[in-house]
Amino acid sequence: MPRTIKNPLARSWCSIDPGIEMGVACWYGNTLFAVHDIAGKGKTWQVAADDAVAQAWVAMKGANYNRDLRMVACEWPQYFNSSGGRVSAQSGSLLKLVTVCGRIEQIVKSEGWGWKPVPVNQWKGQWKKEHVISRVTPLIPEYLREPSKYWSTHQWEAAGLGYYLLGDI
């Protein structure tokens, strides 16, 4: 039985695991067709964040080749009141992540694409990256199986977010 994305207007769409290092998964309907690994570069985190967001924009524009990109879904950060969550907040990591997410949202909205923030707790909660990989591996198309051996954890999580939106995980 064919799957349908929860947003019926979507033809091409992207799912993003955000950060200065991030993954951008590009979809056509229910089919994953590309997964980009992005690493922002710069002397400061702000410059690296700008570089990462610019690279993500290029990936999203690539998914818009027929001018039919309809939606961008992005994992949205949440604060967890745990020892790890407190360390993340105190180190500034949470601020950096929120900044990148805001910049991505700004680009998406300025392009006129749909924006869907997905709280991390909603789609994966406290799953470890290895669990995401084990859930996504059987779902990826055959033509991406060999390249997936070299994917970063960000690429796996971007694909995982997309499969979550499709109802597969």
C-alpha atoms as a PDB file:
ATOM      1  CA  MET A   1       0.000   0.000   0.000  1.00  0.00           C
ATOM      2  CA  PRO A   2       1.552   3.368  -0.964  1.00  0.00           C
ATOM      3  CA  ARG A   3       2.459   5.694   1.867  1.00  0.00           C
ATOM      4  CA  THR A   4       1.464   9.320   1.884  1.00  0.00           C
ATOM      5  CA  ILE A   5       3.149  12.146   3.689  1.00  0.00           C
ATOM      6  CA  LYS A   6       1.011  13.912   6.251  1.00  0.00           C
ATOM      7  CA  ASN A   7       1.206  17.105   4.165  1.00  0.00           C
ATOM      8  CA  PRO A   8      -0.716  16.147   0.997  1.00  0.00           C
ATOM      9  CA  LEU A   9       0.526  19.233  -0.882  1.00  0.00           C
ATOM     10  CA  ALA A  10       4.134  18.108  -0.682  1.00  0.00           C
ATOM     11  CA  ARG A  11       5.778  16.848  -3.810  1.00  0.00           C
ATOM     12  CA  SER A  12       9.416  17.625  -3.126  1.00  0.00           C
ATOM     13  CA  TRP A  13      10.297  18.257   0.481  1.00  0.00           C
ATOM     14  CA  CYS A  14      13.291  18.183   2.811  1.00  0.00           C
ATOM     15  CA  SER A  15      13.923  16.974   6.338  1.00  0.00           C
ATOM     16  CA  ILE A  16      16.783  18.494   8.312  1.00  0.00           C
ATOM     17  CA  ASP A  17      18.872  17.498  11.299  1.00  0.00           C
ATOM     18  CA  PRO A  18      20.123  21.024  12.099  1.00  0.00           C
ATOM     19  CA  GLY A  19      23.379  22.304  13.499  1.00  0.00           C
ATOM     20  CA  ILE A  20      26.685  23.726  12.385  1.00  0.00           C
ATOM     21  CA  GLU A  21      27.154  20.162  11.201  1.00  0.00           C
ATOM     22  CA  MET A  22      23.843  18.969   9.751  1.00  0.00           C
ATOM     23  CA  GLY A  23      22.096  16.564   7.447  1.00  0.00           C
ATOM     24  CA  VAL A  24      19.560  17.515   4.784  1.00  0.00           C
ATOM     25  CA  ALA A  25      17.444  14.711   3.328  1.00  0.00           C
ATOM     26  CA  CYS A  26      15.645  15.465   0.063  1.00  0.00           C
ATOM     27  CA  TRP A  27      12.463  13.640  -0.875  1.00  0.00           C
ATOM     28  CA  TYR A  28      10.170  13.389  -3.841  1.00  0.00           C
ATOM     29  CA  GLY A  29       6.821  12.335  -2.458  1.00  0.00           C
ATOM     30  CA  ASN A  30       7.576   9.257  -0.371  1.00  0.00           C
ATOM     31  CA  THR A  31      10.969   8.571  -1.930  1.00  0.00           C
ATOM     32  CA  LEU A  32      14.276   9.636  -0.443  1.00  0.00           C
ATOM     33  CA  PHE A  33      16.489  10.739  -3.328  1.00  0.00           C
ATOM     34  CA  ALA A  34      19.463  12.522  -1.726  1.00  0.00           C
ATOM     35  CA  VAL A  35      21.010  13.064   1.690  1.00  0.00           C
ATOM     36  CA  HIS A  36      23.523  15.875   2.140  1.00  0.00           C
ATOM     37  CA  ASP A  37      26.229  16.092   4.789  1.00  0.00           C
ATOM     38  CA  ILE A  38      26.923  19.689   5.733  1.00  0.00           C
ATOM     39  CA  ALA A  39      29.747  21.079   7.865  1.00  0.00           C
ATOM     40  CA  GLY A  40      29.882  24.823   8.354  1.00  0.00           C
ATOM     41  CA  LYS A  41      33.301  26.401   8.363  1.00  0.00           C
ATOM     42  CA  GLY A  42      34.460  29.663   9.877  1.00  0.00           C
ATOM     43  CA  LYS A  43      36.638  31.247  12.540  1.00  0.00           C
ATOM     44  CA  THR A  44      33.671  31.845  14.854  1.00  0.00           C
ATOM     45  CA  TRP A  45      30.574  29.753  15.472  1.00  0.00           C
ATOM     46  CA  GLN A  46      28.439  32.525  13.965  1.00  0.00           C
ATOM     47  CA  VAL A  47      30.389  32.426  10.692  1.00  0.00           C
ATOM     48  CA  ALA A  48      30.319  28.615  10.686  1.00  0.00           C
ATOM     49  CA  ALA A  49      26.550  28.711  11.307  1.00  0.00           C
ATOM     50  CA  ASP A  50      26.073  31.114   8.383  1.00  0.00           C
ATOM     51  CA  ASP A  51      28.147  28.813   6.163  1.00  0.00           C
ATOM     52  CA  ALA A  52      26.176  25.729   7.220  1.00  0.00           C
ATOM     53  CA  VAL A  53      22.836  27.444   6.609  1.00  0.00           C
ATOM     54  CA  ALA A  54      24.032  28.622   3.168  1.00  0.00           C
ATOM     55  CA  GLN A  55      24.994  25.045   2.289  1.00  0.00           C
ATOM     56  CA  ALA A  56      21.595  23.810   3.497  1.00  0.00           C
ATOM     57  CA  TRP A  57      19.909  26.427   1.315  1.00  0.00           C
ATOM     58  CA  VAL A  58      21.825  25.095  -1.713  1.00  0.00           C
ATOM     59  CA  ALA A  59      20.648  21.557  -0.889  1.00  0.00           C
ATOM     60  CA  MET A  60      17.049  22.756  -0.533  1.00  0.00           C
ATOM     61  CA  LYS A  61      17.278  24.664  -3.830  1.00  0.00           C
ATOM     62  CA  GLY A  62      18.484  21.428  -5.438  1.00  0.00           C
ATOM     63  CA  ALA A  63      15.358  19.687  -4.174  1.00  0.00           C
ATOM     64  CA  ASN A  64      13.385  22.533  -5.756  1.00  0.00           C
ATOM     65  CA  TYR A  65      14.656  21.791  -9.286  1.00  0.00           C
ATOM     66  CA  ASN A  66      11.103  21.577 -10.683  1.00  0.00           C
ATOM     67  CA  ARG A  67       9.983  24.482  -8.526  1.00  0.00           C
ATOM     68  CA  ASP A  68       7.880  22.068  -6.561  1.00  0.00           C
ATOM     69  CA  LEU A  69       9.523  22.111  -3.113  1.00  0.00           C
ATOM     70  CA  ARG A  70       6.541  22.400  -0.816  1.00  0.00           C
ATOM     71  CA  MET A  71       7.799  21.800   2.701  1.00  0.00           C
ATOM     72  CA  VAL A  72      10.902  21.768   4.848  1.00  0.00           C
ATOM     73  CA  ALA A  73      10.698  19.834   8.115  1.00  0.00           C
ATOM     74  CA  CYS A  74      13.355  20.582  10.706  1.00  0.00           C
ATOM     75  CA  GLU A  75      14.118  18.910  14.000  1.00  0.00           C
ATOM     76  CA  TRP A  76      13.346  21.574  16.582  1.00  0.00           C
ATOM     77  CA  PRO A  77      15.521  21.721  19.692  1.00  0.00           C
ATOM     78  CA  GLN A  78      14.143  21.134  23.134  1.00  0.00           C
ATOM     79  CA  TYR A  79      15.682  21.614  26.539  1.00  0.00           C
ATOM     80  CA  PHE A  80      15.841  18.452  28.605  1.00  0.00           C
ATOM     81  CA  ASN A  81      16.130  19.004  32.351  1.00  0.00           C
ATOM     82  CA  SER A  82      18.779  16.335  32.710  1.00  0.00           C
ATOM     83  CA  SER A  83      22.494  16.470  33.384  1.00  0.00           C
ATOM     84  CA  GLY A  84      23.179  16.369  29.611  1.00  0.00           C
ATOM     85  CA  GLY A  85      20.547  19.031  28.937  1.00  0.00           C
ATOM     86  CA  ARG A  86      22.000  21.337  31.576  1.00  0.00           C
ATOM     87  CA  VAL A  87      25.532  20.868  30.213  1.00  0.00           C
ATOM     88  CA  SER A  88      24.263  21.607  26.687  1.00  0.00           C
ATOM     89  CA  ALA A  89      22.521  24.778  27.844  1.00  0.00           C
ATOM     90  CA  GLN A  90      25.482  25.979  29.913  1.00  0.00           C
ATOM     91  CA  SER A  91      28.003  25.314  27.141  1.00  0.00           C
ATOM     92  CA  GLY A  92      26.083  27.435  24.655  1.00  0.00           C
ATOM     93  CA  SER A  93      25.329  24.474  22.375  1.00  0.00           C
ATOM     94  CA  LEU A  94      21.584  24.967  22.721  1.00  0.00           C
ATOM     95  CA  LEU A  95      21.876  28.656  21.808  1.00  0.00           C
ATOM     96  CA  LYS A  96      23.926  27.787  18.708  1.00  0.00           C
ATOM     97  CA  LEU A  97      21.392  25.143  17.649  1.00  0.00           C
ATOM     98  CA  VAL A  98      18.433  27.476  18.134  1.00  0.00           C
ATOM     99  CA  THR A  99      20.260  30.159  16.120  1.00  0.00           C
ATOM    100  CA  VAL A 100      20.822  27.761  13.204  1.00  0.00           C
ATOM    101  CA  CYS A 101      17.194  26.608  13.321  1.00  0.00           C
ATOM    102  CA  GLY A 102      15.973  30.201  13.263  1.00  0.00           C
ATOM    103  CA  ARG A 103      18.153  31.021  10.282  1.00  0.00           C
ATOM    104  CA  ILE A 104      16.886  27.963   8.406  1.00  0.00           C
ATOM    105  CA  GLU A 105      13.290  28.941   9.191  1.00  0.00           C
ATOM    106  CA  GLN A 106      13.931  32.463   7.911  1.00  0.00           C
ATOM    107  CA  ILE A 107      15.279  31.154   4.582  1.00  0.00           C
ATOM    108  CA  VAL A 108      12.458  28.652   4.165  1.00  0.00           C
ATOM    109  CA  LYS A 109       9.774  31.264   4.781  1.00  0.00           C
ATOM    110  CA  SER A 110      11.476  33.845   2.533  1.00  0.00           C
ATOM    111  CA  GLU A 111      11.419  31.269  -0.294  1.00  0.00           C
ATOM    112  CA  GLY A 112       7.696  30.697   0.281  1.00  0.00           C
ATOM    113  CA  TRP A 113       8.117  27.040   1.224  1.00  0.00           C
ATOM    114  CA  GLY A 114       6.109  25.390   3.979  1.00  0.00           C
ATOM    115  CA  TRP A 115       7.822  25.164   7.373  1.00  0.00           C
ATOM    116  CA  LYS A 116       7.316  22.295   9.788  1.00  0.00           C
ATOM    117  CA  PRO A 117       9.323  22.362  13.021  1.00  0.00           C
ATOM    118  CA  VAL A 118       9.291  18.905  14.608  1.00  0.00           C
ATOM    119  CA  PRO A 119      10.222  18.829  18.304  1.00  0.00           C
ATOM    120  CA  VAL A 120      12.993  16.313  18.873  1.00  0.00           C
ATOM    121  CA  ASN A 121      10.965  14.703  21.675  1.00  0.00           C
ATOM    122  CA  GLN A 122       8.073  14.141  19.282  1.00  0.00           C
ATOM    123  CA  TRP A 123       9.951  12.070  16.732  1.00  0.00           C
ATOM    124  CA  LYS A 124      12.805  10.358  18.560  1.00  0.00           C
ATOM    125  CA  GLY A 125      12.890  11.409  22.187  1.00  0.00           C
ATOM    126  CA  GLN A 126      16.020  10.085  23.838  1.00  0.00           C
ATOM    127  CA  TRP A 127      16.898   7.518  21.151  1.00  0.00           C
ATOM    128  CA  LYS A 128      20.598   7.091  20.673  1.00  0.00           C
ATOM    129  CA  LYS A 129      21.961   7.697  17.182  1.00  0.00           C
ATOM    130  CA  GLU A 130      22.626   3.953  16.780  1.00  0.00           C
ATOM    131  CA  HIS A 131      18.927   3.255  17.307  1.00  0.00           C
ATOM    132  CA  VAL A 132      17.961   5.784  14.616  1.00  0.00           C
ATOM    133  CA  ILE A 133      20.419   4.144  12.200  1.00  0.00           C
ATOM    134  CA  SER A 134      19.049   0.655  12.907  1.00  0.00           C
ATOM    135  CA  ARG A 135      15.465   1.857  12.322  1.00  0.00           C
ATOM    136  CA  VAL A 136      16.282   3.753   9.104  1.00  0.00           C
ATOM    137  CA  THR A 137      18.634   1.237   7.435  1.00  0.00           C
ATOM    138  CA  PRO A 138      15.935  -1.157   6.164  1.00  0.00           C
ATOM    139  CA  LEU A 139      13.888   1.758   4.787  1.00  0.00           C
ATOM    140  CA  ILE A 140      16.421   3.477   2.534  1.00  0.00           C
ATOM    141  CA  PRO A 141      16.115   2.855  -1.222  1.00  0.00           C
ATOM    142  CA  GLU A 142      18.438   0.310  -2.803  1.00  0.00           C
ATOM    143  CA  TYR A 143      20.334   2.962  -4.788  1.00  0.00           C
ATOM    144  CA  LEU A 144      21.328   4.706  -1.539  1.00  0.00           C
ATOM    145  CA  ARG A 145      22.435   1.554   0.319  1.00  0.00           C
ATOM    146  CA  GLU A 146      26.078   1.653  -0.760  1.00  0.00           C
ATOM    147  CA  PRO A 147      26.519   5.420  -0.219  1.00  0.00           C
ATOM    148  CA  SER A 148      24.793   5.135   3.179  1.00  0.00           C
ATOM    149  CA  LYS A 149      27.811   3.232   4.488  1.00  0.00           C
ATOM    150  CA  TYR A 150      29.567   6.600   4.555  1.00  0.00           C
ATOM    151  CA  TRP A 151      26.762   8.744   5.956  1.00  0.00           C
ATOM    152  CA  SER A 152      27.336  10.915   9.003  1.00  0.00           C
ATOM    153  CA  THR A 153      24.993  10.574  11.971  1.00  0.00           C
ATOM    154  CA  HIS A 154      23.422  13.866  10.840  1.00  0.00           C
ATOM    155  CA  GLN A 155      22.493  12.340   7.481  1.00  0.00           C
ATOM    156  CA  TRP A 156      20.940   9.333   9.233  1.00  0.00           C
ATOM    157  CA  GLU A 157      18.935  11.587  11.527  1.00  0.00           C
ATOM    158  CA  ALA A 158      17.712  13.780   8.646  1.00  0.00           C
ATOM    159  CA  ALA A 159      16.494  10.636   6.870  1.00  0.00           C
ATOM    160  CA  GLY A 160      15.010   9.339  10.137  1.00  0.00           C
ATOM    161  CA  LEU A 161      13.000  12.516  10.626  1.00  0.00           C
ATOM    162  CA  GLY A 162      11.626  12.134   7.106  1.00  0.00           C
ATOM    163  CA  TYR A 163      10.653   8.513   7.666  1.00  0.00           C
ATOM    164  CA  TYR A 164       8.991   9.540  10.920  1.00  0.00           C
ATOM    165  CA  LEU A 165       6.864  12.073   9.015  1.00  0.00           C
ATOM    166  CA  LEU A 166       5.927   9.346   6.553  1.00  0.00           C
ATOM    167  CA  GLY A 167       4.777   7.168   9.461  1.00  0.00           C
ATOM    168  CA  ASP A 168       7.482   4.545   8.973  1.00  0.00           C
ATOM    169  CA  ILE A 169       9.268   4.926  12.331  1.00  0.00           C
END
